[in-house]
C-alpha cells in the first residue's frame, strides 16, 4: 500500500468515525421520544400481565392455544394483556385479551424479518419501537406479572433481565411464571445443578420463578401474589 493509499484510507476512516459519533448524539432524541411516548401511553393502561413466547408457533399449536386461554382468563379476572405485538405466542396473547374484552397492548419491535403487528391489539395501544432496550423497560415498568411461554433467545433475554432486576432490587418483585414444565425443566435443572452448585446464585433465587402447566395455575399464582402486594408500576 502506498503512502497516498494510506492517506486516503485514514481520511475515510476518520470521516466515517466522525459520522458515527454525530449519529450517536442525534440518536439520543429518538431514544427520548420512544421513552416519552411509551410512558405517556402505557401509564394509562391499568394492571396488566405480559405474555412472552415464540413468534414462530402457528395458531393450531398447543402453546398458541394455551397462551390464548391464559390471556382470556386473565382478562376476565381484570388484568390487561401486554405482548411484543407480533405473531405466534404474542398474537395468541392479544387474541385471548380481545376475546375476553380486556385491554390488549402490543409493543412491536421493528425487525428485518418475522415481526409485524398482529390484528388483535387495541388500535390505541399499539406502539412501535426501534430500540429493544426501550421496549424492555416498558415491559418491566408497566407489567404486574410475566407469563413466559416456550420461546427462543428473545424470550430468554426478557426472562433473565426481569429476574436480574428483581434479584438486584432494581425493581419491585412481581410474579414470573414459566408455562410448560417439560419445556423448561432442562433449563431449571441446569440452574440448580450448575449455577447453584457453583455458587453463582443462591438457591433462594429460584423462588423468584414459578413453573406451571395450566391457565388456572397461572391465574392462581398471580392472584395469590397480589393478595399481599398492591398493583402499581414497578419502578
Protein backbone atom coordinates (compact mmCIF):
# COMPACT_ATOMS: atom_id res chain seq x y z
CA UNK A 1 0.00 0.00 0.00
CA UNK A 2 1.42 3.39 -1.00
CA UNK A 3 1.57 6.42 1.27
CA UNK A 4 -1.14 8.02 -0.86
CA UNK A 5 -3.37 4.96 -0.40
CA UNK A 6 -2.82 5.11 3.38
CA UNK A 7 -3.74 8.79 3.48
CA UNK A 8 -6.97 8.12 1.58
CA UNK A 9 -7.80 5.20 3.86
CA UNK A 10 -7.10 7.18 7.03
CA UNK A 11 -9.15 10.14 5.78
CA UNK A 12 -12.07 7.82 5.00
CA UNK A 13 -11.84 6.09 8.38
CA UNK A 14 -11.77 9.39 10.23
CA UNK A 15 -14.75 10.70 8.28
CA UNK A 16 -16.72 7.53 8.95
CA UNK A 17 -15.89 7.63 12.67
CA UNK A 18 -16.91 11.28 12.92
CA UNK A 19 -20.21 10.49 11.19
CA UNK A 20 -20.83 7.63 13.62
CA UNK A 21 -20.22 9.88 16.62
CA UNK A 22 -22.54 12.53 15.21
CA UNK A 23 -25.27 9.96 14.56
CA UNK A 24 -24.89 8.63 18.10
CA UNK A 25 -25.54 12.08 19.51
CA UNK A 26 -28.68 12.63 17.45
CA UNK A 27 -29.95 9.14 18.30
CA UNK A 28 -30.49 10.35 21.87
CA UNK A 29 -33.51 12.37 20.74
CA UNK A 30 -35.17 9.36 19.09
CA UNK A 31 -34.48 7.27 22.19
CA UNK A 32 -36.02 10.01 24.36
CA UNK A 33 -39.04 10.18 22.06
CA UNK A 34 -39.64 6.44 22.40
CA UNK A 35 -39.44 6.68 26.20
CA UNK A 36 -41.79 9.67 26.34
CA UNK A 37 -44.42 8.11 24.08
CA UNK A 38 -44.21 4.80 25.95
CA UNK A 39 -44.56 6.41 29.37
CA UNK A 40 -47.45 8.64 28.30
CA UNK A 41 -49.47 5.92 26.61
CA UNK A 42 -48.76 2.98 28.91
CA UNK A 43 -49.21 4.96 32.10
CA UNK A 44 -52.97 4.80 31.46
CA UNK A 45 -53.47 1.08 30.81
CA UNK A 46 -54.07 -0.16 34.36
CA UNK A 47 -52.97 -3.53 35.81
CA UNK A 48 -51.56 -5.74 33.07
CA UNK A 49 -49.71 -9.02 32.65
CA UNK A 50 -47.16 -9.53 29.90
CA UNK A 51 -47.10 -12.76 27.91
CA UNK A 52 -43.82 -13.70 26.22
CA UNK A 53 -43.05 -16.59 23.88
CA UNK A 54 -42.03 -17.72 20.45
CA UNK A 55 -43.09 -15.71 17.39
CA UNK A 56 -42.89 -18.89 15.30
CA UNK A 57 -45.71 -21.06 16.62
CA UNK A 58 -48.86 -21.39 14.50
CA UNK A 59 -52.48 -20.97 15.64
CA UNK A 60 -53.03 -24.72 15.83
CA UNK A 61 -50.03 -25.29 18.11
CA UNK A 62 -50.73 -26.33 21.70
CA UNK A 63 -48.70 -23.43 23.11
CA UNK A 64 -50.59 -20.88 21.00
CA UNK A 65 -53.90 -22.28 22.23
CA UNK A 66 -52.68 -22.32 25.83
CA UNK A 67 -51.40 -18.72 25.61
CA UNK A 68 -54.74 -17.57 24.21
CA UNK A 69 -56.62 -19.29 27.04
CA UNK A 70 -54.27 -17.82 29.66
CA UNK A 71 -54.82 -14.32 28.30
CA UNK A 72 -58.58 -14.84 28.16
CA UNK A 73 -58.75 -15.98 31.80
CA UNK A 74 -56.56 -13.12 32.95
CA UNK A 75 -58.72 -10.53 31.21
CA UNK A 76 -61.97 -11.81 32.64
CA UNK A 77 -60.32 -11.53 36.06
CA UNK A 78 -59.49 -7.87 35.48
CA UNK A 79 -55.98 -7.88 34.05
CA UNK A 80 -54.99 -6.37 30.72
CA UNK A 81 -52.54 -8.18 28.45
CA UNK A 82 -49.28 -6.84 27.07
CA UNK A 83 -47.29 -8.66 24.38
CA UNK A 84 -44.50 -7.93 21.96
CA UNK A 85 -47.15 -7.22 19.35
CA UNK A 86 -46.05 -9.77 16.77
CA UNK A 87 -47.16 -13.23 15.60
CA UNK A 88 -47.08 -16.58 17.39
CA UNK A 89 -47.45 -16.53 21.17
CA UNK A 90 -47.72 -12.73 21.08
CA UNK A 91 -50.68 -12.91 18.74
CA UNK A 92 -52.26 -15.59 20.92
CA UNK A 93 -51.99 -13.35 23.98
CA UNK A 94 -53.62 -10.41 22.24
CA UNK A 95 -56.26 -12.68 20.75
CA UNK A 96 -57.19 -14.02 24.18
CA UNK A 97 -57.40 -10.50 25.58
CA UNK A 98 -59.58 -9.47 22.67
CA UNK A 99 -61.83 -12.47 23.24
CA UNK A 100 -62.15 -11.56 26.92
CA UNK A 101 -62.92 -7.93 26.00
CA UNK A 102 -59.92 -6.80 28.02
CA UNK A 103 -57.10 -4.36 27.38
CA UNK A 104 -54.82 -5.64 24.61
CA UNK A 105 -51.43 -3.91 24.27
CA UNK A 106 -48.76 -4.60 21.66
CA UNK A 107 -45.19 -3.31 21.94
CA UNK A 108 -43.89 -4.03 18.49
CA UNK A 109 -40.21 -4.00 17.51
CA UNK A 110 -39.07 -3.14 14.02
CA UNK A 111 -37.13 -6.12 12.65
CA UNK A 112 -36.00 -7.07 9.14
CA UNK A 113 -37.77 -10.44 9.41
CA UNK A 114 -40.55 -12.17 11.27
CA UNK A 115 -42.12 -9.27 13.16
CA UNK A 116 -45.35 -7.50 12.23
CA UNK A 117 -48.30 -6.16 14.21
CA UNK A 118 -50.97 -8.76 14.89
CA UNK A 119 -54.63 -7.80 14.36
CA UNK A 120 -55.79 -8.33 17.96
CA UNK A 121 -54.12 -5.28 19.53
CA UNK A 122 -56.32 -2.35 20.60
CA UNK A 123 -55.87 0.34 17.96
CA UNK A 124 -54.85 2.95 20.52
CA UNK A 125 -52.46 0.60 22.35
CA UNK A 126 -50.09 -0.45 19.57
CA UNK A 127 -46.62 1.05 19.92
CA UNK A 128 -43.62 0.62 17.63
CA UNK A 129 -40.03 0.65 18.86
CA UNK A 130 -36.65 0.77 17.15
CA UNK A 131 -34.74 0.04 20.34
CA UNK A 132 -35.00 -3.26 22.20
CA UNK A 133 -33.81 -1.72 25.46
CA UNK A 134 -36.55 0.94 25.46
CA UNK A 135 -39.16 -1.71 24.73
CA UNK A 136 -37.90 -3.90 27.58
CA UNK A 137 -38.19 -1.01 30.02
CA UNK A 138 -41.86 -0.69 29.05
CA UNK A 139 -42.49 -4.39 29.66
CA UNK A 140 -40.96 -4.24 33.12
CA UNK A 141 -42.38 -0.89 34.20
CA UNK A 142 -46.00 -1.47 33.22
CA UNK A 143 -46.46 -5.20 33.86
CA UNK A 144 -47.63 -6.70 37.12
CA UNK A 145 -46.50 -10.16 36.07
CA UNK A 146 -44.60 -12.03 33.35
CA UNK A 147 -46.08 -15.18 31.84
CA UNK A 148 -43.24 -16.83 29.95
CA UNK A 149 -44.35 -19.35 27.35
CA UNK A 150 -41.89 -21.55 25.42
CA UNK A 151 -39.69 -19.39 23.22
CA UNK A 152 -36.21 -18.68 21.95
CA UNK A 153 -33.39 -16.23 22.59
CA UNK A 154 -35.69 -13.19 22.80
CA UNK A 155 -37.88 -14.88 25.39
CA UNK A 156 -34.80 -15.88 27.42
CA UNK A 157 -33.48 -12.33 27.23
CA UNK A 158 -36.69 -10.87 28.62
CA UNK A 159 -36.96 -13.59 31.28
CA UNK A 160 -33.45 -13.21 32.66
CA UNK A 161 -33.48 -9.42 32.57
CA UNK A 162 -36.60 -9.42 34.77
CA UNK A 163 -35.08 -11.95 37.16
CA UNK A 164 -31.87 -9.92 37.39
CA UNK A 165 -33.69 -6.66 38.09
CA UNK A 166 -35.74 -8.26 40.86
CA UNK A 167 -32.75 -10.15 42.28
CA UNK A 168 -30.70 -6.93 42.48
CA UNK A 169 -33.68 -4.99 43.88
CA UNK A 170 -33.68 -2.51 41.00
CA UNK A 171 -37.43 -3.10 40.68
CA UNK A 172 -40.11 -4.45 42.96
CA UNK A 173 -40.85 -8.14 42.95
CA UNK A 174 -43.65 -9.41 40.71
CA UNK A 175 -44.69 -12.90 39.55
CA UNK A 176 -42.55 -14.56 36.88
CA UNK A 177 -44.31 -17.68 35.67
CA UNK A 178 -42.80 -20.24 33.31
CA UNK A 179 -45.50 -22.18 31.48
CA UNK A 180 -44.69 -25.69 30.29
CA UNK A 181 -42.83 -27.83 32.83
CA UNK A 182 -41.50 -30.18 30.16
CA UNK A 183 -40.16 -27.31 28.06
CA UNK A 184 -38.44 -25.51 30.94
CA UNK A 185 -37.27 -28.49 33.03
CA UNK A 186 -33.84 -28.74 31.36
CA UNK A 187 -33.11 -25.07 32.00
CA UNK A 188 -34.25 -25.28 35.62
CA UNK A 189 -32.15 -28.42 36.19
CA UNK A 190 -29.09 -26.62 34.77
CA UNK A 191 -29.71 -23.63 37.02
CA UNK A 192 -29.96 -25.88 40.06
CA UNK A 193 -27.12 -28.25 39.21
CA UNK A 194 -24.69 -25.70 37.79
CA UNK A 195 -25.43 -22.13 38.86
CA UNK A 196 -26.45 -23.01 42.41
CA UNK A 197 -23.80 -25.70 42.89
CA UNK A 198 -21.07 -23.40 41.61
CA UNK A 199 -22.23 -20.60 43.90
CA UNK A 200 -23.15 -18.26 41.04
CA UNK A 201 -26.63 -17.74 42.53
CA UNK A 202 -28.34 -18.62 45.79
CA UNK A 203 -30.89 -21.41 45.96
CA UNK A 204 -33.40 -18.84 47.23
CA UNK A 205 -33.17 -17.03 43.88
CA UNK A 206 -35.22 -19.84 42.38
CA UNK A 207 -38.13 -18.62 44.50
CA UNK A 208 -38.43 -15.74 42.01
CA UNK A 209 -39.81 -18.19 39.45
CA UNK A 210 -42.98 -20.29 39.39
CA UNK A 211 -43.38 -23.20 36.94
CA UNK A 212 -46.85 -24.31 35.88
CA UNK A 213 -48.72 -26.11 33.11
CA UNK A 214 -52.23 -24.66 33.00
CA UNK A 215 -54.07 -21.38 32.73
CA UNK A 216 -55.72 -21.90 36.14
CA UNK A 217 -52.30 -22.28 37.76
CA UNK A 218 -51.12 -19.03 36.14
CA UNK A 219 -54.12 -17.16 37.49
CA UNK A 220 -53.68 -18.69 40.94
CA UNK A 221 -50.02 -17.59 41.16
CA UNK A 222 -50.85 -14.02 40.17
CA UNK A 223 -53.95 -13.70 42.37
CA UNK A 224 -52.12 -15.19 45.37
CA UNK A 225 -49.24 -12.76 44.93
CA UNK A 226 -51.49 -9.70 44.73
CA UNK A 227 -53.35 -10.60 47.87
CA UNK A 228 -50.14 -9.44 49.58
CA UNK A 229 -48.96 -6.62 47.31
CA UNK A 230 -50.58 -3.59 45.65
CA UNK A 231 -50.83 -3.28 41.88
CA UNK A 232 -48.63 -0.46 40.57
CA UNK A 233 -45.84 0.33 38.10
CA UNK A 234 -42.67 -1.46 39.10
CA UNK A 235 -40.26 1.47 39.38
